[in-house]
N, C-alpha and C. Protein backbone atom coordinates (compact mmCIF):
# COMPACT_ATOMS: atom_id res chain seq x y z
N MET A 1 0.84 -1.18 0.00
CA MET A 1 0.00 0.00 0.00
C MET A 1 0.88 1.24 0.00
N GLN A 2 0.52 2.18 -0.81
CA GLN A 2 1.20 3.47 -0.83
C GLN A 2 0.44 4.42 0.07
N VAL A 3 1.19 5.16 0.90
CA VAL A 3 0.60 6.17 1.77
C VAL A 3 1.40 7.44 1.57
N ASP A 4 0.76 8.47 1.03
CA ASP A 4 1.42 9.75 0.80
C ASP A 4 1.22 10.65 2.01
N ILE A 5 2.28 11.36 2.39
CA ILE A 5 2.25 12.29 3.52
C ILE A 5 2.54 13.68 2.97
N THR A 6 1.65 14.63 3.27
CA THR A 6 1.81 16.00 2.79
C THR A 6 1.48 16.99 3.89
N PRO A 7 2.43 17.82 4.30
CA PRO A 7 2.08 18.87 5.27
C PRO A 7 1.28 19.97 4.56
N THR A 8 0.42 20.65 5.31
CA THR A 8 -0.32 21.79 4.77
C THR A 8 0.30 23.06 5.34
N PRO A 9 -0.03 24.21 4.77
CA PRO A 9 0.50 25.46 5.34
C PRO A 9 0.05 25.69 6.78
N GLY A 10 -1.05 25.08 7.19
CA GLY A 10 -1.54 25.22 8.55
C GLY A 10 -1.01 24.11 9.44
N LYS A 11 -1.82 23.69 10.38
CA LYS A 11 -1.39 22.71 11.37
C LYS A 11 -1.59 21.26 10.93
N TRP A 12 -2.28 21.03 9.83
CA TRP A 12 -2.66 19.68 9.43
C TRP A 12 -1.56 18.98 8.63
N ILE A 13 -1.41 17.69 8.88
CA ILE A 13 -0.60 16.81 8.06
C ILE A 13 -1.58 15.88 7.35
N VAL A 14 -1.48 15.79 6.03
CA VAL A 14 -2.38 14.96 5.25
C VAL A 14 -1.75 13.59 5.06
N VAL A 15 -2.46 12.56 5.46
CA VAL A 15 -2.06 11.17 5.27
C VAL A 15 -3.04 10.58 4.27
N ALA A 16 -2.54 10.18 3.09
CA ALA A 16 -3.41 9.75 2.00
C ALA A 16 -3.06 8.33 1.55
N PRO A 17 -3.77 7.33 2.08
CA PRO A 17 -3.56 5.97 1.61
C PRO A 17 -4.16 5.79 0.21
N GLN A 18 -3.55 4.91 -0.55
CA GLN A 18 -4.03 4.62 -1.90
C GLN A 18 -4.35 3.14 -1.99
N GLY A 19 -5.59 2.81 -2.31
CA GLY A 19 -6.00 1.42 -2.46
C GLY A 19 -6.86 0.95 -1.30
N ARG A 20 -7.15 -0.33 -1.31
CA ARG A 20 -7.99 -0.95 -0.28
C ARG A 20 -7.30 -0.91 1.08
N VAL A 21 -8.08 -0.64 2.12
CA VAL A 21 -7.58 -0.73 3.49
C VAL A 21 -8.31 -1.92 4.11
N ASP A 22 -7.60 -3.04 4.19
CA ASP A 22 -8.19 -4.27 4.71
C ASP A 22 -7.20 -4.94 5.65
N GLY A 23 -7.46 -6.16 6.03
CA GLY A 23 -6.60 -6.86 6.97
C GLY A 23 -5.17 -6.99 6.50
N HIS A 24 -4.98 -7.00 5.19
CA HIS A 24 -3.63 -7.13 4.63
C HIS A 24 -2.88 -5.80 4.63
N THR A 25 -3.57 -4.71 4.32
CA THR A 25 -2.91 -3.41 4.15
C THR A 25 -3.04 -2.47 5.35
N ALA A 26 -3.97 -2.75 6.25
CA ALA A 26 -4.18 -1.86 7.40
C ALA A 26 -2.92 -1.66 8.24
N PRO A 27 -2.07 -2.68 8.45
CA PRO A 27 -0.86 -2.43 9.24
C PRO A 27 0.06 -1.36 8.63
N ASP A 28 0.15 -1.31 7.31
CA ASP A 28 0.95 -0.27 6.66
C ASP A 28 0.35 1.11 6.89
N PHE A 29 -0.96 1.19 6.78
CA PHE A 29 -1.67 2.45 7.01
C PHE A 29 -1.47 2.90 8.45
N GLU A 30 -1.61 1.97 9.39
CA GLU A 30 -1.43 2.31 10.80
C GLU A 30 0.00 2.75 11.10
N THR A 31 0.97 2.07 10.51
CA THR A 31 2.38 2.45 10.70
C THR A 31 2.62 3.88 10.23
N ALA A 32 2.06 4.22 9.07
CA ALA A 32 2.23 5.57 8.53
C ALA A 32 1.60 6.62 9.44
N CYS A 33 0.40 6.33 9.94
CA CYS A 33 -0.29 7.27 10.83
C CYS A 33 0.47 7.43 12.15
N GLN A 34 0.83 6.32 12.75
CA GLN A 34 1.52 6.36 14.04
C GLN A 34 2.91 7.02 13.92
N ALA A 35 3.57 6.84 12.78
CA ALA A 35 4.87 7.50 12.57
C ALA A 35 4.71 9.01 12.58
N GLN A 36 3.62 9.50 12.01
CA GLN A 36 3.40 10.95 12.01
C GLN A 36 3.15 11.46 13.42
N VAL A 37 2.38 10.72 14.19
CA VAL A 37 2.13 11.12 15.58
C VAL A 37 3.44 11.09 16.37
N ALA A 38 4.25 10.09 16.16
CA ALA A 38 5.54 9.99 16.86
C ALA A 38 6.47 11.14 16.49
N ARG A 39 6.32 11.68 15.28
CA ARG A 39 7.14 12.82 14.83
C ARG A 39 6.60 14.15 15.35
N GLY A 40 5.47 14.10 16.06
CA GLY A 40 4.93 15.33 16.63
C GLY A 40 3.72 15.89 15.91
N ALA A 41 3.21 15.18 14.91
CA ALA A 41 2.01 15.64 14.21
C ALA A 41 0.80 15.30 15.07
N HIS A 42 0.09 16.33 15.50
CA HIS A 42 -1.07 16.13 16.35
C HIS A 42 -2.38 16.39 15.64
N TRP A 43 -2.29 16.89 14.42
CA TRP A 43 -3.49 17.20 13.63
C TRP A 43 -3.37 16.47 12.29
N LEU A 44 -4.05 15.34 12.18
CA LEU A 44 -3.97 14.53 10.97
C LEU A 44 -5.27 14.61 10.18
N ALA A 45 -5.12 14.82 8.88
CA ALA A 45 -6.24 14.77 7.94
C ALA A 45 -6.03 13.52 7.09
N LEU A 46 -6.89 12.54 7.27
CA LEU A 46 -6.77 11.29 6.52
C LEU A 46 -7.58 11.42 5.24
N ASP A 47 -6.87 11.60 4.13
CA ASP A 47 -7.51 11.78 2.82
C ASP A 47 -7.85 10.40 2.27
N LEU A 48 -9.13 10.05 2.30
CA LEU A 48 -9.60 8.74 1.89
C LEU A 48 -10.11 8.72 0.45
N GLY A 49 -9.81 9.74 -0.31
CA GLY A 49 -10.25 9.81 -1.70
C GLY A 49 -9.71 8.70 -2.57
N GLY A 50 -8.58 8.12 -2.20
CA GLY A 50 -7.98 7.03 -2.97
C GLY A 50 -8.27 5.66 -2.40
N VAL A 51 -9.25 5.59 -1.48
CA VAL A 51 -9.57 4.32 -0.82
C VAL A 51 -10.97 3.87 -1.25
N PRO A 52 -11.05 2.86 -2.13
CA PRO A 52 -12.37 2.40 -2.58
C PRO A 52 -13.06 1.45 -1.60
N TYR A 53 -12.29 0.87 -0.66
CA TYR A 53 -12.85 -0.12 0.26
C TYR A 53 -12.11 -0.05 1.58
N MET A 54 -12.86 -0.15 2.69
CA MET A 54 -12.25 -0.20 4.01
C MET A 54 -12.98 -1.25 4.84
N SER A 55 -12.19 -2.17 5.40
CA SER A 55 -12.75 -3.22 6.26
C SER A 55 -12.70 -2.78 7.71
N SER A 56 -13.12 -3.66 8.59
CA SER A 56 -13.08 -3.37 10.03
C SER A 56 -11.64 -3.14 10.50
N ALA A 57 -10.67 -3.75 9.82
CA ALA A 57 -9.26 -3.51 10.17
C ALA A 57 -8.90 -2.04 9.93
N GLY A 58 -9.43 -1.46 8.88
CA GLY A 58 -9.20 -0.05 8.61
C GLY A 58 -9.89 0.83 9.63
N LEU A 59 -11.09 0.44 10.04
CA LEU A 59 -11.81 1.20 11.07
C LEU A 59 -11.02 1.21 12.38
N ARG A 60 -10.39 0.08 12.69
CA ARG A 60 -9.58 -0.01 13.89
C ARG A 60 -8.41 0.98 13.82
N VAL A 61 -7.81 1.11 12.63
CA VAL A 61 -6.72 2.07 12.46
C VAL A 61 -7.21 3.49 12.70
N LEU A 62 -8.40 3.80 12.19
CA LEU A 62 -8.96 5.14 12.42
C LEU A 62 -9.12 5.43 13.90
N LEU A 63 -9.67 4.47 14.64
CA LEU A 63 -9.86 4.66 16.08
C LEU A 63 -8.54 4.78 16.83
N ALA A 64 -7.57 3.93 16.49
CA ALA A 64 -6.27 3.98 17.16
C ALA A 64 -5.57 5.31 16.90
N THR A 65 -5.70 5.80 15.68
CA THR A 65 -5.06 7.07 15.32
C THR A 65 -5.75 8.23 16.02
N LEU A 66 -7.08 8.19 16.07
CA LEU A 66 -7.82 9.23 16.79
C LEU A 66 -7.40 9.27 18.25
N LYS A 67 -7.31 8.12 18.87
CA LYS A 67 -6.89 8.05 20.27
C LYS A 67 -5.49 8.63 20.45
N ALA A 68 -4.58 8.33 19.54
CA ALA A 68 -3.20 8.80 19.64
C ALA A 68 -3.10 10.32 19.52
N VAL A 69 -3.83 10.91 18.56
CA VAL A 69 -3.73 12.37 18.39
C VAL A 69 -4.46 13.10 19.51
N LYS A 70 -5.56 12.56 19.98
CA LYS A 70 -6.28 13.21 21.08
C LYS A 70 -5.46 13.18 22.37
N ALA A 71 -4.69 12.12 22.57
CA ALA A 71 -3.82 12.05 23.74
C ALA A 71 -2.76 13.14 23.71
N GLN A 72 -2.47 13.67 22.53
CA GLN A 72 -1.49 14.75 22.37
C GLN A 72 -2.15 16.12 22.26
N GLY A 73 -3.47 16.17 22.46
CA GLY A 73 -4.19 17.43 22.38
C GLY A 73 -4.53 17.84 20.96
N GLY A 74 -4.47 16.90 20.03
CA GLY A 74 -4.73 17.21 18.63
C GLY A 74 -6.08 16.71 18.15
N GLY A 75 -6.17 16.51 16.86
CA GLY A 75 -7.42 16.06 16.27
C GLY A 75 -7.19 15.32 14.98
N LEU A 76 -8.26 14.72 14.49
CA LEU A 76 -8.19 13.93 13.27
C LEU A 76 -9.44 14.21 12.46
N ALA A 77 -9.27 14.34 11.15
CA ALA A 77 -10.41 14.54 10.26
C ALA A 77 -10.30 13.55 9.11
N LEU A 78 -11.44 13.10 8.63
CA LEU A 78 -11.51 12.24 7.46
C LEU A 78 -11.91 13.11 6.28
N VAL A 79 -11.16 12.99 5.19
CA VAL A 79 -11.36 13.87 4.04
C VAL A 79 -11.72 13.03 2.81
N ARG A 80 -12.72 13.46 2.09
CA ARG A 80 -13.14 12.89 0.80
C ARG A 80 -13.38 11.38 0.80
N PRO A 81 -14.07 10.83 1.78
CA PRO A 81 -14.31 9.38 1.70
C PRO A 81 -15.20 9.04 0.50
N GLN A 82 -14.79 8.02 -0.24
CA GLN A 82 -15.60 7.55 -1.36
C GLN A 82 -16.92 6.98 -0.84
N ALA A 83 -17.89 6.83 -1.72
CA ALA A 83 -19.24 6.42 -1.33
C ALA A 83 -19.25 5.11 -0.54
N GLY A 84 -18.52 4.11 -0.98
CA GLY A 84 -18.50 2.83 -0.28
C GLY A 84 -17.91 2.94 1.10
N VAL A 85 -16.84 3.70 1.23
CA VAL A 85 -16.20 3.90 2.53
C VAL A 85 -17.11 4.74 3.42
N ARG A 86 -17.72 5.74 2.86
CA ARG A 86 -18.64 6.59 3.65
C ARG A 86 -19.79 5.74 4.19
N GLU A 87 -20.28 4.80 3.40
CA GLU A 87 -21.35 3.92 3.86
C GLU A 87 -20.89 3.07 5.04
N VAL A 88 -19.67 2.54 4.97
CA VAL A 88 -19.12 1.77 6.08
C VAL A 88 -18.98 2.64 7.32
N LEU A 89 -18.54 3.87 7.13
CA LEU A 89 -18.41 4.81 8.26
C LEU A 89 -19.78 5.11 8.87
N GLU A 90 -20.78 5.24 8.03
CA GLU A 90 -22.13 5.53 8.52
C GLU A 90 -22.71 4.33 9.28
N ILE A 91 -22.62 3.16 8.69
CA ILE A 91 -23.16 1.94 9.32
C ILE A 91 -22.50 1.67 10.66
N SER A 92 -21.20 1.92 10.74
CA SER A 92 -20.45 1.65 11.97
C SER A 92 -20.63 2.74 13.03
N GLY A 93 -21.28 3.84 12.68
CA GLY A 93 -21.46 4.94 13.61
C GLY A 93 -20.29 5.90 13.66
N PHE A 94 -19.30 5.70 12.80
CA PHE A 94 -18.11 6.53 12.82
C PHE A 94 -18.36 7.97 12.37
N LEU A 95 -19.43 8.19 11.63
CA LEU A 95 -19.73 9.57 11.21
C LEU A 95 -20.09 10.43 12.41
N ASN A 96 -20.49 9.79 13.52
CA ASN A 96 -20.80 10.52 14.75
C ASN A 96 -19.55 10.78 15.59
N ILE A 97 -18.47 10.09 15.29
CA ILE A 97 -17.24 10.19 16.07
C ILE A 97 -16.22 11.11 15.41
N PHE A 98 -16.15 11.07 14.08
CA PHE A 98 -15.11 11.76 13.33
C PHE A 98 -15.64 13.00 12.63
N THR A 99 -14.78 13.97 12.45
CA THR A 99 -15.05 15.10 11.58
C THR A 99 -14.83 14.61 10.15
N VAL A 100 -15.80 14.82 9.27
CA VAL A 100 -15.68 14.40 7.88
C VAL A 100 -15.89 15.64 7.01
N VAL A 101 -14.93 15.89 6.11
CA VAL A 101 -15.02 17.06 5.24
C VAL A 101 -14.80 16.65 3.77
N GLY A 102 -15.25 17.49 2.87
CA GLY A 102 -15.12 17.21 1.45
C GLY A 102 -13.78 17.56 0.85
N ASN A 103 -13.07 18.49 1.48
CA ASN A 103 -11.77 18.95 0.97
C ASN A 103 -10.86 19.34 2.11
N ILE A 104 -9.57 19.25 1.87
CA ILE A 104 -8.58 19.68 2.86
C ILE A 104 -8.81 21.14 3.22
N SER A 105 -9.20 21.95 2.22
CA SER A 105 -9.40 23.39 2.46
C SER A 105 -10.56 23.66 3.42
N ASP A 106 -11.41 22.67 3.68
CA ASP A 106 -12.52 22.83 4.61
C ASP A 106 -12.08 22.78 6.07
N LEU A 107 -10.83 22.39 6.31
CA LEU A 107 -10.31 22.30 7.69
C LEU A 107 -9.78 23.65 8.13
N ALA A 108 -10.06 24.03 9.35
CA ALA A 108 -9.59 25.31 9.87
C ALA A 108 -8.19 25.18 10.42
């Protein structure tokens, strides 16, 4: 799995996985997210525009990353989730837990 990391002019670091996030690829996604937190990034924007599918393993990564950034006084936002991923987020109740935006520019 490819995971692109891009800082923004503001406080956000964009973490953009490409491809399916499932039991096979979720560890790579989690490693990328946790590495950013370990480097001091407390505000992560997870750009899910390149993720057509996310399993429960991916949902676990989202929760673990949220917990890690909140412990540092930061936050996490989900950006551009595709329709299938958004449906999984809705069914799981994650839309009530996470900030979800259509574009990186929507983050303050």
